[in-house]
């Protein structure tokens, strides 16, 4: 599981570098985001532009990250593929998360910053 980090203004952008966010990687994804929570930036925008498949475990991991961040640090999602957008709509997660059509222009940072 690979993710990269960037900044778009005050926001922290977390880009998933995988085509699948499913049961096989959900726990690793959640752990990686937990480790990166020390990076500053509000809101946190999750770039899902490369994710073509998202199952219930992956969606659960995203919701878990939202809960870890808490109410003062909102989690937003960006650049959903058609199938991922459909899952968000079917599960009504489109009413829970702010969804951006595109990823904002991002400046890369390392997880050590």
PDB file of N, CA and C in Angstrom:
ATOM      1  N   UNK A   1       0.848  -1.181   0.000  1.00  0.00           N
ATOM      2  CA  UNK A   1       0.000   0.000   0.000  1.00  0.00           C
ATOM      3  C   UNK A   1       0.887   1.236   0.000  1.00  0.00           C
ATOM      4  N   UNK A   2       0.653   2.097  -0.953  1.00  0.00           N
ATOM      5  CA  UNK A   2       1.441   3.322  -1.027  1.00  0.00           C
ATOM      6  C   UNK A   2       0.528   4.539  -1.048  1.00  0.00           C
ATOM      7  N   UNK A   3       0.936   5.546  -0.287  1.00  0.00           N
ATOM      8  CA  UNK A   3       0.275   6.839  -0.307  1.00  0.00           C
ATOM      9  C   UNK A   3       1.358   7.909  -0.381  1.00  0.00           C
ATOM     10  N   UNK A   4       0.986   9.064  -0.892  1.00  0.00           N
ATOM     11  CA  UNK A   4       1.906  10.201  -0.891  1.00  0.00           C
ATOM     12  C   UNK A   4       1.180  11.380  -0.258  1.00  0.00           C
ATOM     13  N   UNK A   5       1.954  12.367   0.146  1.00  0.00           N
ATOM     14  CA  UNK A   5       1.402  13.489   0.885  1.00  0.00           C
ATOM     15  C   UNK A   5       1.758  14.791   0.195  1.00  0.00           C
ATOM     16  N   UNK A   6       0.855  15.744   0.294  1.00  0.00           N
ATOM     17  CA  UNK A   6       1.092  17.055  -0.291  1.00  0.00           C
ATOM     18  C   UNK A   6       0.293  18.106   0.445  1.00  0.00           C
ATOM     19  N   UNK A   7       0.501  19.342   0.034  1.00  0.00           N
ATOM     20  CA  UNK A   7      -0.243  20.461   0.599  1.00  0.00           C
ATOM     21  C   UNK A   7      -0.932  21.212  -0.536  1.00  0.00           C
ATOM     22  N   UNK A   8      -2.133  21.631  -0.251  1.00  0.00           N
ATOM     23  CA  UNK A   8      -2.891  22.505  -1.145  1.00  0.00           C
ATOM     24  C   UNK A   8      -3.420  23.623  -0.257  1.00  0.00           C
ATOM     25  N   UNK A   9      -2.703  24.731  -0.230  1.00  0.00           N
ATOM     26  CA  UNK A   9      -3.045  25.790   0.723  1.00  0.00           C
ATOM     27  C   UNK A   9      -2.839  25.268   2.126  1.00  0.00           C
ATOM     28  N   UNK A  10      -3.851  25.372   2.961  1.00  0.00           N
ATOM     29  CA  UNK A  10      -3.777  24.886   4.339  1.00  0.00           C
ATOM     30  C   UNK A  10      -4.102  23.400   4.458  1.00  0.00           C
ATOM     31  N   UNK A  11      -4.608  22.797   3.394  1.00  0.00           N
ATOM     32  CA  UNK A  11      -5.054  21.399   3.442  1.00  0.00           C
ATOM     33  C   UNK A  11      -3.890  20.429   3.299  1.00  0.00           C
ATOM     34  N   UNK A  12      -4.008  19.303   3.970  1.00  0.00           N
ATOM     35  CA  UNK A  12      -3.115  18.169   3.770  1.00  0.00           C
ATOM     36  C   UNK A  12      -3.795  17.251   2.760  1.00  0.00           C
ATOM     37  N   UNK A  13      -3.083  16.910   1.681  1.00  0.00           N
ATOM     38  CA  UNK A  13      -3.632  16.031   0.657  1.00  0.00           C
ATOM     39  C   UNK A  13      -2.933  14.682   0.765  1.00  0.00           C
ATOM     40  N   UNK A  14      -3.724  13.629   0.921  1.00  0.00           N
ATOM     41  CA  UNK A  14      -3.219  12.264   1.001  1.00  0.00           C
ATOM     42  C   UNK A  14      -3.664  11.561  -0.276  1.00  0.00           C
ATOM     43  N   UNK A  15      -2.696  11.182  -1.112  1.00  0.00           N
ATOM     44  CA  UNK A  15      -3.002  10.551  -2.394  1.00  0.00           C
ATOM     45  C   UNK A  15      -2.761   9.051  -2.313  1.00  0.00           C
ATOM     46  N   UNK A  16      -3.810   8.291  -2.548  1.00  0.00           N
ATOM     47  CA  UNK A  16      -3.705   6.830  -2.574  1.00  0.00           C
ATOM     48  C   UNK A  16      -3.109   6.442  -3.920  1.00  0.00           C
ATOM     49  N   UNK A  17      -2.011   5.695  -3.890  1.00  0.00           N
ATOM     50  CA  UNK A  17      -1.295   5.330  -5.106  1.00  0.00           C
ATOM     51  C   UNK A  17      -1.628   3.921  -5.577  1.00  0.00           C
ATOM     52  N   UNK A  18      -2.792   3.438  -5.238  1.00  0.00           N
ATOM     53  CA  UNK A  18      -3.225   2.080  -5.572  1.00  0.00           C
ATOM     54  C   UNK A  18      -4.522   2.137  -6.362  1.00  0.00           C
ATOM     55  N   UNK A  19      -4.803   1.077  -7.122  1.00  0.00           N
ATOM     56  CA  UNK A  19      -6.061   1.025  -7.871  1.00  0.00           C
ATOM     57  C   UNK A  19      -7.180   0.391  -7.056  1.00  0.00           C
ATOM     58  N   UNK A  20      -6.824  -0.270  -5.973  1.00  0.00           N
ATOM     59  CA  UNK A  20      -7.828  -0.930  -5.133  1.00  0.00           C
ATOM     60  C   UNK A  20      -7.645  -0.505  -3.677  1.00  0.00           C
ATOM     61  N   UNK A  21      -8.754  -0.229  -3.053  1.00  0.00           N
ATOM     62  CA  UNK A  21      -8.777   0.002  -1.607  1.00  0.00           C
ATOM     63  C   UNK A  21      -9.818  -0.971  -1.085  1.00  0.00           C
ATOM     64  N   UNK A  22      -9.318  -2.150  -0.695  1.00  0.00           N
ATOM     65  CA  UNK A  22     -10.215  -3.252  -0.330  1.00  0.00           C
ATOM     66  C   UNK A  22      -9.716  -3.930   0.938  1.00  0.00           C
ATOM     67  N   UNK A  23     -10.303  -5.070   1.263  1.00  0.00           N
ATOM     68  CA  UNK A  23      -9.971  -5.777   2.505  1.00  0.00           C
ATOM     69  C   UNK A  23      -8.484  -6.107   2.602  1.00  0.00           C
ATOM     70  N   UNK A  24      -7.839  -6.350   1.467  1.00  0.00           N
ATOM     71  CA  UNK A  24      -6.426  -6.733   1.478  1.00  0.00           C
ATOM     72  C   UNK A  24      -5.515  -5.605   1.964  1.00  0.00           C
ATOM     73  N   UNK A  25      -5.928  -4.353   1.798  1.00  0.00           N
ATOM     74  CA  UNK A  25      -5.053  -3.230   2.161  1.00  0.00           C
ATOM     75  C   UNK A  25      -5.692  -2.259   3.160  1.00  0.00           C
ATOM     76  N   UNK A  26      -6.929  -2.494   3.537  1.00  0.00           N
ATOM     77  CA  UNK A  26      -7.654  -1.534   4.381  1.00  0.00           C
ATOM     78  C   UNK A  26      -6.944  -1.246   5.703  1.00  0.00           C
ATOM     79  N   UNK A  27      -6.483  -2.275   6.390  1.00  0.00           N
ATOM     80  CA  UNK A  27      -5.805  -2.058   7.681  1.00  0.00           C
ATOM     81  C   UNK A  27      -4.485  -1.325   7.501  1.00  0.00           C
ATOM     82  N   UNK A  28      -3.743  -1.693   6.470  1.00  0.00           N
ATOM     83  CA  UNK A  28      -2.471  -1.012   6.192  1.00  0.00           C
ATOM     84  C   UNK A  28      -2.723   0.455   5.875  1.00  0.00           C
ATOM     85  N   UNK A  29      -3.749   0.720   5.067  1.00  0.00           N
ATOM     86  CA  UNK A  29      -4.127   2.094   4.727  1.00  0.00           C
ATOM     87  C   UNK A  29      -4.420   2.886   6.001  1.00  0.00           C
ATOM     88  N   UNK A  30      -5.244   2.338   6.850  1.00  0.00           N
ATOM     89  CA  UNK A  30      -5.620   3.034   8.085  1.00  0.00           C
ATOM     90  C   UNK A  30      -4.403   3.291   8.968  1.00  0.00           C
ATOM     91  N   UNK A  31      -3.499   2.313   9.069  1.00  0.00           N
ATOM     92  CA  UNK A  31      -2.278   2.488   9.861  1.00  0.00           C
ATOM     93  C   UNK A  31      -1.381   3.575   9.274  1.00  0.00           C
ATOM     94  N   UNK A  32      -1.267   3.605   7.948  1.00  0.00           N
ATOM     95  CA  UNK A  32      -0.431   4.620   7.299  1.00  0.00           C
ATOM     96  C   UNK A  32      -0.982   6.017   7.556  1.00  0.00           C
ATOM     97  N   UNK A  33      -2.278   6.166   7.492  1.00  0.00           N
ATOM     98  CA  UNK A  33      -2.887   7.473   7.744  1.00  0.00           C
ATOM     99  C   UNK A  33      -2.738   7.841   9.214  1.00  0.00           C
ATOM    100  N   UNK A  34      -2.895   6.882  10.097  1.00  0.00           N
ATOM    101  CA  UNK A  34      -2.710   7.147  11.528  1.00  0.00           C
ATOM    102  C   UNK A  34      -1.300   7.665  11.787  1.00  0.00           C
ATOM    103  N   UNK A  35      -0.302   7.033  11.158  1.00  0.00           N
ATOM    104  CA  UNK A  35       1.083   7.459  11.325  1.00  0.00           C
ATOM    105  C   UNK A  35       1.313   8.872  10.787  1.00  0.00           C
ATOM    106  N   UNK A  36       0.550   9.270   9.773  1.00  0.00           N
ATOM    107  CA  UNK A  36       0.728  10.583   9.153  1.00  0.00           C
ATOM    108  C   UNK A  36      -0.095  11.672   9.816  1.00  0.00           C
ATOM    109  N   UNK A  37      -0.858  11.335  10.840  1.00  0.00           N
ATOM    110  CA  UNK A  37      -1.734  12.322  11.475  1.00  0.00           C
ATOM    111  C   UNK A  37      -0.970  13.470  12.121  1.00  0.00           C
ATOM    112  N   UNK A  38       0.320  13.298  12.329  1.00  0.00           N
ATOM    113  CA  UNK A  38       1.115  14.375  12.914  1.00  0.00           C
ATOM    114  C   UNK A  38       1.400  15.479  11.908  1.00  0.00           C
ATOM    115  N   UNK A  39       1.216  15.186  10.608  1.00  0.00           N
ATOM    116  CA  UNK A  39       1.395  16.215   9.584  1.00  0.00           C
ATOM    117  C   UNK A  39       0.295  17.253   9.738  1.00  0.00           C
ATOM    118  N   UNK A  40       0.657  18.514   9.612  1.00  0.00           N
ATOM    119  CA  UNK A  40      -0.340  19.562   9.767  1.00  0.00           C
ATOM    120  C   UNK A  40      -1.168  19.708   8.498  1.00  0.00           C
ATOM    121  N   UNK A  41      -2.294  20.311   8.654  1.00  0.00           N
ATOM    122  CA  UNK A  41      -3.161  20.592   7.521  1.00  0.00           C
ATOM    123  C   UNK A  41      -4.610  20.303   7.844  1.00  0.00           C
ATOM    124  N   UNK A  42      -5.446  21.283   7.584  1.00  0.00           N
ATOM    125  CA  UNK A  42      -6.879  21.133   7.774  1.00  0.00           C
ATOM    126  C   UNK A  42      -7.559  21.841   6.622  1.00  0.00           C
ATOM    127  N   UNK A  43      -8.442  21.176   5.931  1.00  0.00           N
ATOM    128  CA  UNK A  43      -8.887  19.801   6.102  1.00  0.00           C
ATOM    129  C   UNK A  43      -7.866  18.813   5.556  1.00  0.00           C
ATOM    130  N   UNK A  44      -8.176  17.543   5.720  1.00  0.00           N
ATOM    131  CA  UNK A  44      -7.406  16.477   5.076  1.00  0.00           C
ATOM    132  C   UNK A  44      -8.219  16.052   3.860  1.00  0.00           C
ATOM    133  N   UNK A  45      -7.591  16.126   2.686  1.00  0.00           N
ATOM    134  CA  UNK A  45      -8.271  15.744   1.449  1.00  0.00           C
ATOM    135  C   UNK A  45      -7.682  14.427   0.974  1.00  0.00           C
ATOM    136  N   UNK A  46      -8.529  13.427   0.837  1.00  0.00           N
ATOM    137  CA  UNK A  46      -8.104  12.105   0.393  1.00  0.00           C
ATOM    138  C   UNK A  46      -8.291  12.018  -1.115  1.00  0.00           C
ATOM    139  N   UNK A  47      -7.168  11.951  -1.823  1.00  0.00           N
ATOM    140  CA  UNK A  47      -7.161  11.872  -3.287  1.00  0.00           C
ATOM    141  C   UNK A  47      -7.353  10.412  -3.688  1.00  0.00           C
ATOM    142  N   UNK A  48      -8.516  10.104  -4.240  1.00  0.00           N
ATOM    143  CA  UNK A  48      -8.827   8.736  -4.662  1.00  0.00           C
ATOM    144  C   UNK A  48      -8.820   8.597  -6.184  1.00  0.00           C
ATOM    145  N   UNK A  49      -8.118   9.478  -6.874  1.00  0.00           N
ATOM    146  CA  UNK A  49      -8.144   9.499  -8.340  1.00  0.00           C
ATOM    147  C   UNK A  49      -7.635   8.210  -8.974  1.00  0.00           C
ATOM    148  N   UNK A  50      -6.752   7.492  -8.313  1.00  0.00           N
ATOM    149  CA  UNK A  50      -6.234   6.235  -8.869  1.00  0.00           C
ATOM    150  C   UNK A  50      -7.045   5.012  -8.457  1.00  0.00           C
ATOM    151  N   UNK A  51      -7.920   5.174  -7.486  1.00  0.00           N
ATOM    152  CA  UNK A  51      -8.694   4.044  -6.963  1.00  0.00           C
ATOM    153  C   UNK A  51      -9.857   3.742  -7.900  1.00  0.00           C
ATOM    154  N   UNK A  52      -9.829   2.541  -8.466  1.00  0.00           N
ATOM    155  CA  UNK A  52     -10.887   2.097  -9.369  1.00  0.00           C
ATOM    156  C   UNK A  52     -11.870   1.168  -8.668  1.00  0.00           C
ATOM    157  N   UNK A  53     -11.423   0.549  -7.564  1.00  0.00           N
ATOM    158  CA  UNK A  53     -12.268  -0.386  -6.835  1.00  0.00           C
ATOM    159  C   UNK A  53     -12.182  -0.101  -5.346  1.00  0.00           C
ATOM    160  N   UNK A  54     -13.348   0.036  -4.725  1.00  0.00           N
ATOM    161  CA  UNK A  54     -13.456   0.271  -3.289  1.00  0.00           C
ATOM    162  C   UNK A  54     -14.533  -0.661  -2.768  1.00  0.00           C
ATOM    163  N   UNK A  55     -14.179  -1.495  -1.778  1.00  0.00           N
ATOM    164  CA  UNK A  55     -15.191  -2.380  -1.191  1.00  0.00           C
ATOM    165  C   UNK A  55     -15.580  -1.866   0.194  1.00  0.00           C
ATOM    166  N   UNK A  56     -16.412  -2.633   0.887  1.00  0.00           N
ATOM    167  CA  UNK A  56     -16.908  -2.189   2.193  1.00  0.00           C
ATOM    168  C   UNK A  56     -15.779  -2.043   3.212  1.00  0.00           C
ATOM    169  N   UNK A  57     -14.750  -2.875   3.108  1.00  0.00           N
ATOM    170  CA  UNK A  57     -13.610  -2.749   4.029  1.00  0.00           C
ATOM    171  C   UNK A  57     -12.850  -1.453   3.775  1.00  0.00           C
ATOM    172  N   UNK A  58     -12.664  -1.125   2.510  1.00  0.00           N
ATOM    173  CA  UNK A  58     -11.999   0.129   2.160  1.00  0.00           C
ATOM    174  C   UNK A  58     -12.806   1.328   2.603  1.00  0.00           C
ATOM    175  N   UNK A  59     -14.108   1.269   2.387  1.00  0.00           N
ATOM    176  CA  UNK A  59     -14.978   2.355   2.824  1.00  0.00           C
ATOM    177  C   UNK A  59     -14.967   2.465   4.344  1.00  0.00           C
ATOM    178  N   UNK A  60     -14.959   1.324   5.019  1.00  0.00           N
ATOM    179  CA  UNK A  60     -14.861   1.327   6.475  1.00  0.00           C
ATOM    180  C   UNK A  60     -13.568   1.947   6.961  1.00  0.00           C
ATOM    181  N   UNK A  61     -12.469   1.701   6.249  1.00  0.00           N
ATOM    182  CA  UNK A  61     -11.183   2.296   6.611  1.00  0.00           C
ATOM    183  C   UNK A  61     -11.224   3.814   6.451  1.00  0.00           C
ATOM    184  N   UNK A  62     -11.883   4.294   5.395  1.00  0.00           N
ATOM    185  CA  UNK A  62     -12.016   5.742   5.184  1.00  0.00           C
ATOM    186  C   UNK A  62     -12.838   6.365   6.314  1.00  0.00           C
ATOM    187  N   UNK A  63     -13.927   5.718   6.675  1.00  0.00           N
ATOM    188  CA  UNK A  63     -14.756   6.210   7.791  1.00  0.00           C
ATOM    189  C   UNK A  63     -13.949   6.172   9.092  1.00  0.00           C
ATOM    190  N   UNK A  64     -13.153   5.108   9.285  1.00  0.00           N
ATOM    191  CA  UNK A  64     -12.309   5.014  10.476  1.00  0.00           C
ATOM    192  C   UNK A  64     -11.301   6.149  10.550  1.00  0.00           C
ATOM    193  N   UNK A  65     -10.725   6.521   9.415  1.00  0.00           N
ATOM    194  CA  UNK A  65      -9.787   7.644   9.367  1.00  0.00           C
ATOM    195  C   UNK A  65     -10.512   8.938   9.736  1.00  0.00           C
ATOM    196  N   UNK A  66     -11.717   9.114   9.217  1.00  0.00           N
ATOM    197  CA  UNK A  66     -12.510  10.301   9.549  1.00  0.00           C
ATOM    198  C   UNK A  66     -12.702  10.389  11.069  1.00  0.00           C
ATOM    199  N   UNK A  67     -13.012   9.266  11.698  1.00  0.00           N
ATOM    200  CA  UNK A  67     -13.212   9.255  13.152  1.00  0.00           C
ATOM    201  C   UNK A  67     -11.911   9.533  13.892  1.00  0.00           C
ATOM    202  N   UNK A  68     -10.789   8.993  13.389  1.00  0.00           N
ATOM    203  CA  UNK A  68      -9.488   9.259  14.012  1.00  0.00           C
ATOM    204  C   UNK A  68      -9.139  10.746  13.963  1.00  0.00           C
ATOM    205  N   UNK A  69      -9.461  11.386  12.854  1.00  0.00           N
ATOM    206  CA  UNK A  69      -9.139  12.808  12.697  1.00  0.00           C
ATOM    207  C   UNK A  69      -9.979  13.680  13.622  1.00  0.00           C
ATOM    208  N   UNK A  70     -11.200  13.251  13.894  1.00  0.00           N
ATOM    209  CA  UNK A  70     -12.070  13.997  14.798  1.00  0.00           C
ATOM    210  C   UNK A  70     -12.769  15.158  14.109  1.00  0.00           C
ATOM    211  N   UNK A  71     -13.663  15.812  14.853  1.00  0.00           N
ATOM    212  CA  UNK A  71     -14.498  16.859  14.268  1.00  0.00           C
ATOM    213  C   UNK A  71     -13.754  18.149  13.911  1.00  0.00           C
ATOM    214  N   UNK A  72     -12.608  18.388  14.526  1.00  0.00           N
ATOM    215  CA  UNK A  72     -11.863  19.622  14.260  1.00  0.00           C
ATOM    216  C   UNK A  72     -10.961  19.524  13.036  1.00  0.00           C
ATOM    217  N   UNK A  73     -10.880  18.335  12.459  1.00  0.00           N
ATOM    218  CA  UNK A  73     -10.012  18.124  11.296  1.00  0.00           C
ATOM    219  C   UNK A  73     -10.792  17.296  10.265  1.00  0.00           C
ATOM    220  N   UNK A  74     -11.640  17.948   9.490  1.00  0.00           N
ATOM    221  CA  UNK A  74     -12.517  17.210   8.582  1.00  0.00           C
ATOM    222  C   UNK A  74     -11.754  16.459   7.487  1.00  0.00           C
ATOM    223  N   UNK A  75     -12.302  15.303   7.130  1.00  0.00           N
ATOM    224  CA  UNK A  75     -11.781  14.507   6.023  1.00  0.00           C
ATOM    225  C   UNK A  75     -12.691  14.721   4.828  1.00  0.00           C
ATOM    226  N   UNK A  76     -12.088  15.103   3.704  1.00  0.00           N
ATOM    227  CA  UNK A  76     -12.810  15.285   2.456  1.00  0.00           C
ATOM    228  C   UNK A  76     -12.220  14.336   1.433  1.00  0.00           C
ATOM    229  N   UNK A  77     -12.968  14.018   0.388  1.00  0.00           N
ATOM    230  CA  UNK A  77     -12.476  13.117  -0.655  1.00  0.00           C
ATOM    231  C   UNK A  77     -12.508  13.836  -1.995  1.00  0.00           C
ATOM    232  N   UNK A  78     -11.629  13.401  -2.898  1.00  0.00           N
ATOM    233  CA  UNK A  78     -11.518  14.071  -4.192  1.00  0.00           C
ATOM    234  C   UNK A  78     -11.290  13.074  -5.314  1.00  0.00           C
ATOM    235  N   UNK A  79     -11.782  13.446  -6.493  1.00  0.00           N
ATOM    236  CA  UNK A  79     -11.509  12.755  -7.758  1.00  0.00           C
ATOM    237  C   UNK A  79     -11.963  11.300  -7.744  1.00  0.00           C
ATOM    238  N   UNK A  80     -13.221  11.076  -7.399  1.00  0.00           N
ATOM    239  CA  UNK A  80     -13.753   9.721  -7.343  1.00  0.00           C
ATOM    240  C   UNK A  80     -14.027   9.195  -8.751  1.00  0.00           C
ATOM    241  N   UNK A  81     -13.613   7.958  -9.004  1.00  0.00           N
ATOM    242  CA  UNK A  81     -13.959   7.298 -10.263  1.00  0.00           C
ATOM    243  C   UNK A  81     -15.462   7.024 -10.256  1.00  0.00           C
ATOM    244  N   UNK A  82     -16.004   6.651 -11.402  1.00  0.00           N
ATOM    245  CA  UNK A  82     -17.440   6.387 -11.489  1.00  0.00           C
ATOM    246  C   UNK A  82     -17.915   5.332 -10.521  1.00  0.00           C
ATOM    247  N   UNK A  83     -17.187   4.212 -10.420  1.00  0.00           N
ATOM    248  CA  UNK A  83     -17.618   3.128  -9.536  1.00  0.00           C
ATOM    249  C   UNK A  83     -17.484   3.510  -8.061  1.00  0.00           C
ATOM    250  N   UNK A  84     -16.447   4.255  -7.716  1.00  0.00           N
ATOM    251  CA  UNK A  84     -16.271   4.688  -6.327  1.00  0.00           C
ATOM    252  C   UNK A  84     -17.338   5.720  -5.969  1.00  0.00           C
ATOM    253  N   UNK A  85     -17.625   6.633  -6.875  1.00  0.00           N
ATOM    254  CA  UNK A  85     -18.674   7.633  -6.645  1.00  0.00           C
ATOM    255  C   UNK A  85     -20.029   6.941  -6.446  1.00  0.00           C
ATOM    256  N   UNK A  86     -20.281   5.900  -7.251  1.00  0.00           N
ATOM    257  CA  UNK A  86     -21.537   5.162  -7.131  1.00  0.00           C
ATOM    258  C   UNK A  86     -21.660   4.515  -5.752  1.00  0.00           C
ATOM    259  N   UNK A  87     -20.552   3.923  -5.247  1.00  0.00           N
ATOM    260  CA  UNK A  87     -20.570   3.316  -3.917  1.00  0.00           C
ATOM    261  C   UNK A  87     -20.842   4.373  -2.849  1.00  0.00           C
ATOM    262  N   UNK A  88     -20.210   5.540  -2.967  1.00  0.00           N
ATOM    263  CA  UNK A  88     -20.455   6.618  -2.006  1.00  0.00           C
ATOM    264  C   UNK A  88     -21.932   7.026  -2.029  1.00  0.00           C
ATOM    265  N   UNK A  89     -22.523   7.085  -3.214  1.00  0.00           N
ATOM    266  CA  UNK A  89     -23.926   7.468  -3.335  1.00  0.00           C
ATOM    267  C   UNK A  89     -24.839   6.381  -2.758  1.00  0.00           C
ATOM    268  N   UNK A  90     -24.578   5.103  -3.106  1.00  0.00           N
ATOM    269  CA  UNK A  90     -25.421   4.000  -2.632  1.00  0.00           C
ATOM    270  C   UNK A  90     -25.398   3.859  -1.113  1.00  0.00           C
ATOM    271  N   UNK A  91     -24.244   4.128  -0.514  1.00  0.00           N
ATOM    272  CA  UNK A  91     -24.106   4.000   0.937  1.00  0.00           C
ATOM    273  C   UNK A  91     -24.415   5.307   1.667  1.00  0.00           C
ATOM    274  N   UNK A  92     -24.777   6.325   0.897  1.00  0.00           N
ATOM    275  CA  UNK A  92     -25.092   7.659   1.414  1.00  0.00           C
ATOM    276  C   UNK A  92     -23.886   8.356   2.051  1.00  0.00           C
ATOM    277  N   UNK A  93     -22.701   7.862   1.762  1.00  0.00           N
ATOM    278  CA  UNK A  93     -21.494   8.519   2.250  1.00  0.00           C
ATOM    279  C   UNK A  93     -21.279   9.861   1.550  1.00  0.00           C
ATOM    280  N   UNK A  94     -21.968  10.065   0.423  1.00  0.00           N
ATOM    281  CA  UNK A  94     -21.887  11.359  -0.245  1.00  0.00           C
ATOM    282  C   UNK A  94     -22.552  12.459   0.579  1.00  0.00           C
ATOM    283  N   UNK A  95     -23.323  12.077   1.597  1.00  0.00           N
ATOM    284  CA  UNK A  95     -23.907  13.056   2.508  1.00  0.00           C
ATOM    285  C   UNK A  95     -23.034  13.267   3.745  1.00  0.00           C
ATOM    286  N   UNK A  96     -22.055  12.392   3.934  1.00  0.00           N
ATOM    287  CA  UNK A  96     -21.162  12.463   5.090  1.00  0.00           C
ATOM    288  C   UNK A  96     -19.886  13.228   4.751  1.00  0.00           C
ATOM    289  N   UNK A  97     -19.349  12.981   3.561  1.00  0.00           N
ATOM    290  CA  UNK A  97     -18.082  13.581   3.144  1.00  0.00           C
ATOM    291  C   UNK A  97     -18.308  14.696   2.134  1.00  0.00           C
ATOM    292  N   UNK A  98     -17.520  15.728   2.229  1.00  0.00           N
ATOM    293  CA  UNK A  98     -17.466  16.721   1.153  1.00  0.00           C
ATOM    294  C   UNK A  98     -16.671  16.080   0.027  1.00  0.00           C
ATOM    295  N   UNK A  99     -17.218  16.108  -1.177  1.00  0.00           N
ATOM    296  CA  UNK A  99     -16.580  15.472  -2.327  1.00  0.00           C
ATOM    297  C   UNK A  99     -16.175  16.541  -3.332  1.00  0.00           C
ATOM    298  N   UNK A 100     -14.886  16.544  -3.682  1.00  0.00           N
ATOM    299  CA  UNK A 100     -14.351  17.449  -4.700  1.00  0.00           C
ATOM    300  C   UNK A 100     -14.257  16.687  -6.018  1.00  0.00           C
ATOM    301  N   UNK A 101     -14.637  17.336  -7.107  1.00  0.00           N
ATOM    302  CA  UNK A 101     -14.532  16.694  -8.415  1.00  0.00           C
ATOM    303  C   UNK A 101     -13.082  16.460  -8.819  1.00  0.00           C
ATOM    304  N   UNK A 102     -12.202  17.369  -8.410  1.00  0.00           N
ATOM    305  CA  UNK A 102     -10.792  17.291  -8.786  1.00  0.00           C
ATOM    306  C   UNK A 102      -9.918  17.464  -7.550  1.00  0.00           C
ATOM    307  N   UNK A 103      -8.703  16.951  -7.644  1.00  0.00           N
ATOM    308  CA  UNK A 103      -7.717  17.151  -6.586  1.00  0.00           C
ATOM    309  C   UNK A 103      -7.149  18.555  -6.750  1.00  0.00           C
ATOM    310  N   UNK A 104      -7.092  19.337  -5.684  1.00  0.00           N
ATOM    311  CA  UNK A 104      -6.497  20.670  -5.817  1.00  0.00           C
ATOM    312  C   UNK A 104      -5.018  20.566  -6.167  1.00  0.00           C
ATOM    313  N   UNK A 105      -4.496  21.607  -6.785  1.00  0.00           N
ATOM    314  CA  UNK A 105      -3.072  21.617  -7.117  1.00  0.00           C
ATOM    315  C   UNK A 105      -2.275  21.464  -5.831  1.00  0.00           C
ATOM    316  N   UNK A 106      -1.374  20.488  -5.841  1.00  0.00           N
ATOM    317  CA  UNK A 106      -0.716  20.050  -4.618  1.00  0.00           C
ATOM    318  C   UNK A 106       0.791  20.160  -4.731  1.00  0.00           C
ATOM    319  N   UNK A 107       1.418  20.578  -3.640  1.00  0.00           N
ATOM    320  CA  UNK A 107       2.877  20.604  -3.518  1.00  0.00           C
ATOM    321  C   UNK A 107       3.285  19.416  -2.660  1.00  0.00           C
ATOM    322  N   UNK A 108       4.147  18.543  -3.179  1.00  0.00           N
ATOM    323  CA  UNK A 108       4.541  17.319  -2.482  1.00  0.00           C
ATOM    324  C   UNK A 108       5.298  17.628  -1.187  1.00  0.00           C
ATOM    325  N   UNK A 109       5.064  16.787  -0.182  1.00  0.00           N
ATOM    326  CA  UNK A 109       5.812  16.836   1.073  1.00  0.00           C
ATOM    327  C   UNK A 109       6.158  15.415   1.466  1.00  0.00           C
ATOM    328  N   UNK A 110       7.095  15.266   2.363  1.00  0.00           N
ATOM    329  CA  UNK A 110       7.420  13.917   2.852  1.00  0.00           C
ATOM    330  C   UNK A 110       6.700  13.685   4.171  1.00  0.00           C
ATOM    331  N   UNK A 111       6.538  12.430   4.524  1.00  0.00           N
ATOM    332  CA  UNK A 111       5.850  12.082   5.771  1.00  0.00           C
ATOM    333  C   UNK A 111       6.636  12.535   6.986  1.00  0.00           C
ATOM    334  N   UNK A 112       7.911  12.885   6.821  1.00  0.00           N
ATOM    335  CA  UNK A 112       8.743  13.303   7.940  1.00  0.00           C
ATOM    336  C   UNK A 112       8.519  14.771   8.316  1.00  0.00           C
ATOM    337  N   UNK A 113       7.838  15.550   7.448  1.00  0.00           N
ATOM    338  CA  UNK A 113       7.658  16.983   7.726  1.00  0.00           C
ATOM    339  C   UNK A 113       6.701  17.243   8.846  1.00  0.00           C
TER     340      UNK A 113
END
